[in-house]
Amino acid sequence: MNTNIFEFARPEVPPLPPYNAGLSSEVVRARYRVERVARLASNENPYGASPAVAKALSGLAPDVGNYPDAQCTALRAAIADRFYVEPSQIVVGNGSEDILRMLCLAFLSSGERVLTQRPAFGLHEIYPRMMGAQVEMVSLTPELGFDVDSWCAALACGPKLAMIANPSNPVGCMFDADAFVRLLDAASPSTLLVIDEAYWEYAQREDGFPDALALLRGRRQPWMVLRTFSKAWGLAGLRVGYGIASDSELIQIVDRVRTPFNVNRAAQSGALAAWGDEAHMDRAVTETIRCREVLRAGVHRLGLSVAPSAANFLFIDLGRSNGPVHEALLARGIIIKPWKDEGYESFIRVSVGTPDDNEHFLAALREVLGKAD
């Protein structure tokens, strides 16, 4: 083929970085010849989904030849009932990143401005740039917290869309209720606010974490709050996320760019079953938060600094390049995520796993860093 495919593509696409999804357990086992693998890179729930999910999935085989409900009617109704909104205010996606993509497709044109955090969840930057938008990134404070003053100043300039992750991924810091209200007051009515609460189930246990839905109701701005079944609900492999919008008209616009049948039959069934067993999710979240603080203490004993976290992961400063440490941990069967943003090359993000996996990580990190017992 003589055509230079990179020249053939839209000019916005070749410069986009690929999303860093990390390595699978199977690849790590084969490449490093290890039996035990600790999956501490993707912020999954190590305790898995409710047993009700397996039961719901077990009888699906006769129906796999039929398309799923394109509107996710039952799941949207269940979500709407819990949050006292109308089903018409809800969109469901193949993971919440699917909804991020829909929002960018529906609302962004070349040259328009998008506001987000730095460092950010990769797709908060990649999807807007895919549409030719200009992405402005607000830096953290030296203490690795949100810079509320800078956020307010940037919002007052009227970006077309603002992606506000609360808590932050990859850092874990959060806007408290007072800070969140300041953001809302500073935002232009013409800015679409996208509040990414992928870690909401963990963060709502923190003192001062805002009730975003309550604070957004009645505001002039259009808004959407994103949440997911991938983390606390243990359904990362099924890919289900949802968005709650300021009004049904916003959902109608997003639906114009939504892929038909974007949430498969197994995902809808699994999500509904999980949603019906909130107690299972609550137990997993409680244990994860307990383990997070044990893990934090262990990292501190190694003399390393850790960002504040209201999520199910820790953002750790190694004080050295993260690349060799990442590789050495992989060789020991431990998958973590090294951060690559300029200025953060010494940081790793580590998901909170089971107590055994957390101890395995701490022991390996101690060995790799040459720390004495």
Protein backbone atom coordinates (compact mmCIF):
# COMPACT_ATOMS: atom_id res chain seq x y z
CA MET A 1 0.00 0.00 0.00
CA ASN A 2 1.60 3.26 -1.18
CA THR A 3 -0.63 5.66 0.75
CA ASN A 4 0.90 7.07 3.92
CA ILE A 5 -1.95 6.18 6.24
CA PHE A 6 -0.90 8.81 8.79
CA GLU A 7 -1.32 11.52 6.16
CA PHE A 8 -4.63 9.98 5.13
CA ALA A 9 -6.05 10.21 8.65
CA ARG A 10 -7.71 13.29 10.12
CA PRO A 11 -4.89 15.57 11.33
CA GLU A 12 -6.10 15.39 14.93
CA VAL A 13 -5.68 11.61 15.14
CA PRO A 14 -1.99 10.68 14.56
CA PRO A 15 -0.70 12.87 17.42
CA LEU A 16 -3.06 11.30 19.95
CA PRO A 17 -1.31 9.13 22.54
CA PRO A 18 -2.67 5.62 22.87
CA TYR A 19 -4.53 5.03 26.11
CA ASN A 20 -2.28 3.25 28.59
CA ALA A 21 -4.41 0.26 29.58
CA GLY A 22 -1.47 -1.65 31.09
CA LEU A 23 -0.67 -5.35 30.87
CA SER A 24 -3.02 -8.24 31.50
CA SER A 25 -2.31 -10.93 34.06
CA GLU A 26 -1.86 -13.47 31.25
CA VAL A 27 0.80 -11.37 29.52
CA VAL A 28 2.70 -10.82 32.78
CA ARG A 29 2.65 -14.55 33.58
CA ALA A 30 3.94 -15.47 30.14
CA ARG A 31 6.50 -12.67 29.77
CA TYR A 32 8.01 -12.85 33.26
CA ARG A 33 7.37 -16.54 33.98
CA VAL A 34 5.66 -15.89 37.30
CA GLU A 35 2.77 -17.82 38.78
CA ARG A 36 1.39 -15.28 41.21
CA VAL A 37 0.17 -11.96 39.82
CA ALA A 38 -1.09 -9.06 41.90
CA ARG A 39 -3.32 -6.80 39.79
CA LEU A 40 -2.74 -3.37 41.31
CA ALA A 41 -2.87 -1.16 38.20
CA SER A 42 -6.49 -0.76 37.16
CA ASN A 43 -8.33 0.16 40.38
CA GLU A 44 -10.50 -2.95 40.23
CA ASN A 45 -12.47 -4.31 43.18
CA PRO A 46 -10.35 -7.25 44.39
CA TYR A 47 -13.38 -8.78 46.14
CA GLY A 48 -15.34 -9.14 42.92
CA ALA A 49 -18.98 -8.73 42.06
CA SER A 50 -21.99 -9.84 44.05
CA PRO A 51 -22.80 -13.57 43.75
CA ALA A 52 -26.08 -12.40 42.27
CA VAL A 53 -24.17 -11.39 39.14
CA ALA A 54 -22.99 -14.93 38.40
CA LYS A 55 -26.52 -16.19 38.89
CA ALA A 56 -27.88 -13.56 36.49
CA LEU A 57 -25.29 -14.39 33.83
CA SER A 58 -25.67 -18.15 34.04
CA GLY A 59 -28.92 -18.27 32.07
CA LEU A 60 -28.05 -15.92 29.23
CA ALA A 61 -26.80 -18.44 26.67
CA PRO A 62 -30.19 -18.98 24.95
CA ASP A 63 -30.51 -15.24 24.30
CA VAL A 64 -27.08 -14.35 22.92
CA GLY A 65 -28.43 -14.44 19.37
CA ASN A 66 -30.78 -11.56 20.12
CA TYR A 67 -29.87 -7.89 20.36
CA PRO A 68 -30.02 -6.37 23.85
CA ASP A 69 -32.43 -3.64 24.89
CA ALA A 70 -30.99 -0.62 23.07
CA GLN A 71 -32.36 1.79 25.69
CA CYS A 72 -31.23 -0.15 28.80
CA THR A 73 -34.76 0.42 30.07
CA ALA A 74 -34.68 -1.69 33.24
CA LEU A 75 -31.23 -0.51 34.32
CA ARG A 76 -32.01 3.15 33.72
CA ALA A 77 -35.22 2.80 35.73
CA ALA A 78 -33.37 1.20 38.64
CA ILE A 79 -30.71 3.92 38.68
CA ALA A 80 -33.33 6.67 38.39
CA ASP A 81 -35.29 5.23 41.31
CA ARG A 82 -32.28 5.26 43.63
CA PHE A 83 -31.28 8.84 42.83
CA TYR A 84 -34.76 10.37 42.51
CA VAL A 85 -34.37 11.45 38.90
CA GLU A 86 -36.26 10.58 35.74
CA PRO A 87 -35.04 7.70 33.55
CA SER A 88 -34.97 10.22 30.70
CA GLN A 89 -32.10 11.96 32.54
CA ILE A 90 -29.89 8.87 32.38
CA VAL A 91 -27.59 7.47 29.72
CA VAL A 92 -25.81 4.12 30.03
CA GLY A 93 -22.53 3.35 28.29
CA ASN A 94 -19.97 0.66 27.60
CA GLY A 95 -18.09 1.94 30.60
CA SER A 96 -18.23 5.60 31.60
CA GLU A 97 -15.49 6.36 29.06
CA ASP A 98 -18.03 5.50 26.37
CA ILE A 99 -20.15 8.37 27.68
CA LEU A 100 -17.11 10.67 27.75
CA ARG A 101 -16.62 9.90 24.07
CA MET A 102 -20.31 10.59 23.32
CA LEU A 103 -20.10 13.96 25.05
CA CYS A 104 -17.06 14.97 23.02
CA LEU A 105 -18.65 13.80 19.77
CA ALA A 106 -21.88 15.63 20.53
CA PHE A 107 -20.60 18.93 21.86
CA LEU A 108 -17.02 19.68 20.76
CA SER A 109 -15.80 21.24 17.55
CA SER A 110 -12.30 22.08 16.40
CA GLY A 111 -10.73 24.90 18.35
CA GLU A 112 -13.17 24.89 21.26
CA ARG A 113 -11.73 24.85 24.77
CA VAL A 114 -11.91 22.04 27.30
CA LEU A 115 -10.77 22.30 30.91
CA THR A 116 -9.45 19.39 32.96
CA GLN A 117 -6.87 18.45 35.59
CA ARG A 118 -3.18 17.71 35.23
CA PRO A 119 -2.32 14.91 35.65
CA ALA A 120 -5.60 13.55 34.33
CA PHE A 121 -7.38 10.37 33.44
CA GLY A 122 -6.00 9.95 29.91
CA LEU A 123 -9.32 10.03 28.08
CA HIS A 124 -10.21 13.41 29.57
CA GLU A 125 -7.50 14.74 27.30
CA ILE A 126 -7.49 12.24 24.42
CA TYR A 127 -11.18 12.42 23.48
CA PRO A 128 -11.35 16.24 23.32
CA ARG A 129 -8.15 16.36 21.24
CA MET A 130 -9.69 13.74 18.95
CA MET A 131 -12.32 16.36 18.12
CA GLY A 132 -9.72 19.07 17.56
CA ALA A 133 -10.50 20.84 20.83
CA GLN A 134 -7.90 22.77 22.79
CA VAL A 135 -7.31 21.25 26.22
CA GLU A 136 -6.33 23.44 29.16
CA MET A 137 -5.05 21.56 32.19
CA VAL A 138 -5.10 22.94 35.73
CA SER A 139 -2.06 21.95 37.79
CA LEU A 140 -2.12 20.54 41.30
CA THR A 141 -0.87 22.34 44.38
CA PRO A 142 2.59 21.36 45.68
CA GLU A 143 0.76 19.24 48.27
CA LEU A 144 -0.88 17.25 45.46
CA GLY A 145 -4.31 18.70 46.06
CA PHE A 146 -6.71 20.60 43.81
CA ASP A 147 -5.87 24.27 43.24
CA VAL A 148 -9.36 25.68 43.76
CA ASP A 149 -8.43 29.29 42.94
CA SER A 150 -6.89 28.26 39.62
CA TRP A 151 -9.89 26.11 38.79
CA CYS A 152 -12.29 28.97 39.50
CA ALA A 153 -10.27 31.39 37.37
CA ALA A 154 -10.16 28.92 34.47
CA LEU A 155 -13.89 28.18 34.71
CA ALA A 156 -14.71 31.89 34.69
CA CYS A 157 -13.12 32.11 31.22
CA GLY A 158 -15.97 30.03 29.81
CA PRO A 159 -14.58 26.76 28.38
CA LYS A 160 -17.06 24.86 26.23
CA LEU A 161 -16.71 21.80 28.46
CA ALA A 162 -15.08 21.14 31.83
CA MET A 163 -14.16 17.64 32.98
CA ILE A 164 -13.97 17.65 36.76
CA ALA A 165 -12.87 14.34 38.25
CA ASN A 166 -13.83 14.12 41.92
CA PRO A 167 -11.90 12.40 43.36
CA SER A 168 -9.01 12.85 40.98
CA ASN A 169 -7.66 9.97 38.97
CA PRO A 170 -4.69 9.33 39.19
CA VAL A 171 -4.02 11.35 42.35
CA GLY A 172 -6.98 10.65 44.63
CA CYS A 173 -7.47 14.17 46.02
CA MET A 174 -11.00 15.56 46.23
CA PHE A 175 -12.94 18.80 46.13
CA ASP A 176 -14.90 19.13 49.37
CA ALA A 177 -18.41 20.57 49.35
CA ASP A 178 -17.30 24.18 49.90
CA ALA A 179 -14.75 24.00 47.10
CA PHE A 180 -17.25 22.31 44.79
CA VAL A 181 -19.78 25.10 45.33
CA ARG A 182 -17.06 27.63 44.53
CA LEU A 183 -16.46 25.85 41.22
CA LEU A 184 -20.15 25.91 40.38
CA ASP A 185 -20.44 29.60 41.24
CA ALA A 186 -17.41 30.41 39.07
CA ALA A 187 -18.52 28.41 36.03
CA SER A 188 -20.05 30.14 33.04
CA PRO A 189 -23.66 29.13 32.26
CA SER A 190 -22.41 28.24 28.77
CA THR A 191 -19.97 25.59 30.07
CA LEU A 192 -21.07 21.96 30.10
CA LEU A 193 -19.88 20.56 33.43
CA VAL A 194 -18.92 16.87 33.37
CA ILE A 195 -18.39 15.61 36.91
CA ASP A 196 -16.55 12.30 36.71
CA GLU A 197 -17.30 10.40 39.91
CA ALA A 198 -15.90 7.01 38.97
CA TYR A 199 -14.82 6.54 42.61
CA TRP A 200 -17.97 7.97 44.19
CA GLU A 201 -18.78 4.91 46.30
CA TYR A 202 -15.40 5.26 48.06
CA ALA A 203 -15.31 9.04 48.28
CA GLN A 204 -18.76 9.46 49.79
CA ARG A 205 -17.34 7.90 52.96
CA GLU A 206 -15.00 10.91 53.33
CA ASP A 207 -15.93 13.86 55.54
CA GLY A 208 -16.96 16.82 53.43
CA PHE A 209 -17.34 15.02 50.11
CA PRO A 210 -20.02 16.89 48.14
CA ASP A 211 -23.40 15.56 47.13
CA ALA A 212 -22.91 16.65 43.53
CA LEU A 213 -26.43 15.81 42.39
CA ALA A 214 -28.00 17.88 45.15
CA LEU A 215 -25.66 20.83 44.57
CA LEU A 216 -26.13 20.78 40.79
CA ARG A 217 -29.93 20.66 40.78
CA GLY A 218 -31.39 24.00 39.77
CA ARG A 219 -28.09 25.38 38.47
CA ARG A 220 -28.04 27.31 35.22
CA GLN A 221 -25.25 25.26 33.73
CA PRO A 222 -25.88 22.07 31.76
CA TRP A 223 -24.22 19.20 33.58
CA MET A 224 -23.70 15.46 33.69
CA VAL A 225 -22.45 13.32 36.58
CA LEU A 226 -20.65 10.14 35.50
CA ARG A 227 -20.38 6.98 37.59
CA THR A 228 -19.41 3.40 36.86
CA PHE A 229 -20.00 -0.23 37.75
CA SER A 230 -16.33 -1.01 37.00
CA LYS A 231 -14.85 -0.10 40.38
CA ALA A 232 -16.83 -0.59 43.60
CA TRP A 233 -19.44 -2.84 41.97
CA GLY A 234 -16.78 -5.23 40.60
CA LEU A 235 -17.96 -5.31 36.98
CA ALA A 236 -14.88 -4.01 35.12
CA GLY A 237 -15.00 -6.95 32.72
CA LEU A 238 -18.58 -6.24 31.67
CA ARG A 239 -18.09 -2.48 30.99
CA VAL A 240 -21.06 -0.54 32.33
CA GLY A 241 -21.11 3.15 33.19
CA TYR A 242 -23.90 5.67 33.54
CA GLY A 243 -24.45 9.40 33.40
CA ILE A 244 -27.09 11.47 35.18
CA ALA A 245 -27.82 14.70 33.31
CA SER A 246 -29.31 18.07 34.16
CA ASP A 247 -32.24 17.40 31.82
CA SER A 248 -33.59 14.97 29.26
CA GLU A 249 -32.67 17.27 26.36
CA LEU A 250 -28.97 16.73 27.09
CA ILE A 251 -29.55 12.97 26.98
CA GLN A 252 -31.41 13.32 23.68
CA ILE A 253 -28.38 15.04 22.14
CA VAL A 254 -25.98 12.40 23.48
CA ASP A 255 -28.25 9.67 22.14
CA ARG A 256 -27.73 11.04 18.62
CA VAL A 257 -24.10 9.89 18.73
CA ARG A 258 -24.53 6.80 20.89
CA THR A 259 -23.73 3.51 19.20
CA PRO A 260 -26.88 1.38 18.90
CA PHE A 261 -26.89 -1.51 21.39
CA ASN A 262 -23.81 -0.03 23.08
CA VAL A 263 -24.41 -2.00 26.32
CA ASN A 264 -24.61 -5.74 25.72
CA ARG A 265 -27.11 -8.14 27.24
CA ALA A 266 -24.67 -9.63 29.78
CA ALA A 267 -23.59 -6.18 30.93
CA GLN A 268 -27.15 -5.03 31.49
CA SER A 269 -28.10 -8.21 33.35
CA GLY A 270 -24.97 -8.14 35.48
CA ALA A 271 -25.36 -4.48 36.37
CA LEU A 272 -28.98 -4.96 37.40
CA ALA A 273 -28.06 -7.90 39.61
CA ALA A 274 -25.19 -6.00 41.23
CA TRP A 275 -27.43 -2.96 41.77
CA GLY A 276 -29.80 -5.15 43.74
CA ASP A 277 -27.06 -6.21 46.19
CA GLU A 278 -25.83 -2.90 47.55
CA ALA A 279 -24.76 -4.60 50.78
CA HIS A 280 -22.10 -6.62 48.94
CA MET A 281 -20.68 -3.46 47.41
CA ASP A 282 -20.70 -1.68 50.78
CA ARG A 283 -18.73 -4.48 52.42
CA ALA A 284 -16.10 -4.42 49.68
CA VAL A 285 -15.77 -0.62 49.91
CA THR A 286 -15.42 -0.73 53.70
CA GLU A 287 -12.67 -3.35 53.50
CA THR A 288 -10.88 -1.51 50.69
CA ILE A 289 -10.80 1.75 52.65
CA ARG A 290 -9.42 -0.09 55.68
CA CYS A 291 -6.74 -1.72 53.52
CA ARG A 292 -5.94 1.61 51.86
CA GLU A 293 -4.90 3.11 55.17
CA VAL A 294 -2.83 0.04 56.08
CA LEU A 295 -1.14 0.27 52.68
CA ARG A 296 -0.54 4.00 53.13
CA ALA A 297 1.16 3.37 56.46
CA GLY A 298 3.35 0.70 54.88
CA VAL A 299 4.44 3.06 52.11
CA HIS A 300 5.24 5.76 54.66
CA ARG A 301 7.44 3.29 56.53
CA LEU A 302 9.48 3.00 53.35
CA GLY A 303 10.12 6.73 53.54
CA LEU A 304 7.95 7.57 50.52
CA SER A 305 5.36 10.32 50.20
CA VAL A 306 1.76 9.58 49.22
CA ALA A 307 -0.90 11.93 47.88
CA PRO A 308 -4.17 12.24 49.80
CA SER A 309 -6.68 9.74 48.45
CA ALA A 310 -10.46 9.45 48.68
CA ALA A 311 -10.47 6.57 46.19
CA ASN A 312 -9.30 2.95 46.03
CA PHE A 313 -5.71 3.70 45.02
CA LEU A 314 -2.61 5.58 46.16
CA PHE A 315 -0.41 7.95 44.14
CA ILE A 316 3.11 7.36 45.42
CA ASP A 317 6.26 9.42 44.80
CA LEU A 318 9.21 7.05 44.52
CA GLY A 319 11.74 9.87 44.49
CA ARG A 320 13.34 8.32 41.41
CA SER A 321 12.41 7.35 37.85
CA ASN A 322 9.40 5.01 37.94
CA GLY A 323 10.38 3.03 34.82
CA PRO A 324 12.98 0.69 36.35
CA VAL A 325 10.86 0.19 39.47
CA HIS A 326 7.83 -0.66 37.34
CA GLU A 327 9.82 -3.23 35.39
CA ALA A 328 11.29 -4.77 38.53
CA LEU A 329 7.84 -5.10 40.07
CA LEU A 330 6.50 -6.74 36.92
CA ALA A 331 9.30 -9.29 37.15
CA ARG A 332 7.95 -10.11 40.60
CA GLY A 333 4.39 -10.47 39.31
CA ILE A 334 3.10 -7.11 40.52
CA ILE A 335 1.24 -4.87 38.06
CA ILE A 336 1.10 -1.18 39.00
CA LYS A 337 0.78 1.90 36.79
CA PRO A 338 3.79 4.20 36.33
CA TRP A 339 2.76 7.76 35.50
CA LYS A 340 4.26 9.29 32.35
CA ASP A 341 3.12 12.93 32.43
CA GLU A 342 5.99 15.40 32.44
CA GLY A 343 6.86 16.22 36.01
CA TYR A 344 5.31 13.03 37.37
CA GLU A 345 7.78 10.45 36.10
CA SER A 346 8.66 9.50 39.68
CA PHE A 347 5.07 8.59 40.59
CA ILE A 348 3.25 5.29 40.50
CA ARG A 349 -0.46 4.67 41.03
CA VAL A 350 -1.16 1.55 43.06
CA SER A 351 -4.63 0.07 43.42
CA VAL A 352 -5.64 -1.20 46.83
CA GLY A 353 -5.80 -4.98 46.63
CA THR A 354 -6.42 -7.75 49.11
CA PRO A 355 -4.33 -7.71 52.29
CA ASP A 356 -2.10 -10.45 50.84
CA ASP A 357 -1.53 -8.58 47.57
CA ASN A 358 -0.83 -5.34 49.41
CA GLU A 359 1.78 -7.04 51.62
CA HIS A 360 3.28 -8.71 48.53
CA PHE A 361 3.60 -5.28 46.89
CA LEU A 362 5.17 -3.66 49.96
CA ALA A 363 7.71 -6.46 50.35
CA ALA A 364 8.64 -6.32 46.67
CA LEU A 365 8.87 -2.52 46.67
CA ARG A 366 11.12 -2.64 49.74
CA GLU A 367 13.38 -5.09 47.93
CA VAL A 368 13.42 -3.13 44.67
CA LEU A 369 14.21 0.15 46.45
CA GLY A 370 16.91 -1.48 48.56
CA LYS A 371 15.23 -0.55 51.81
CA ALA A 372 16.25 -2.40 54.97
CA ASP A 373 13.59 -4.38 56.84
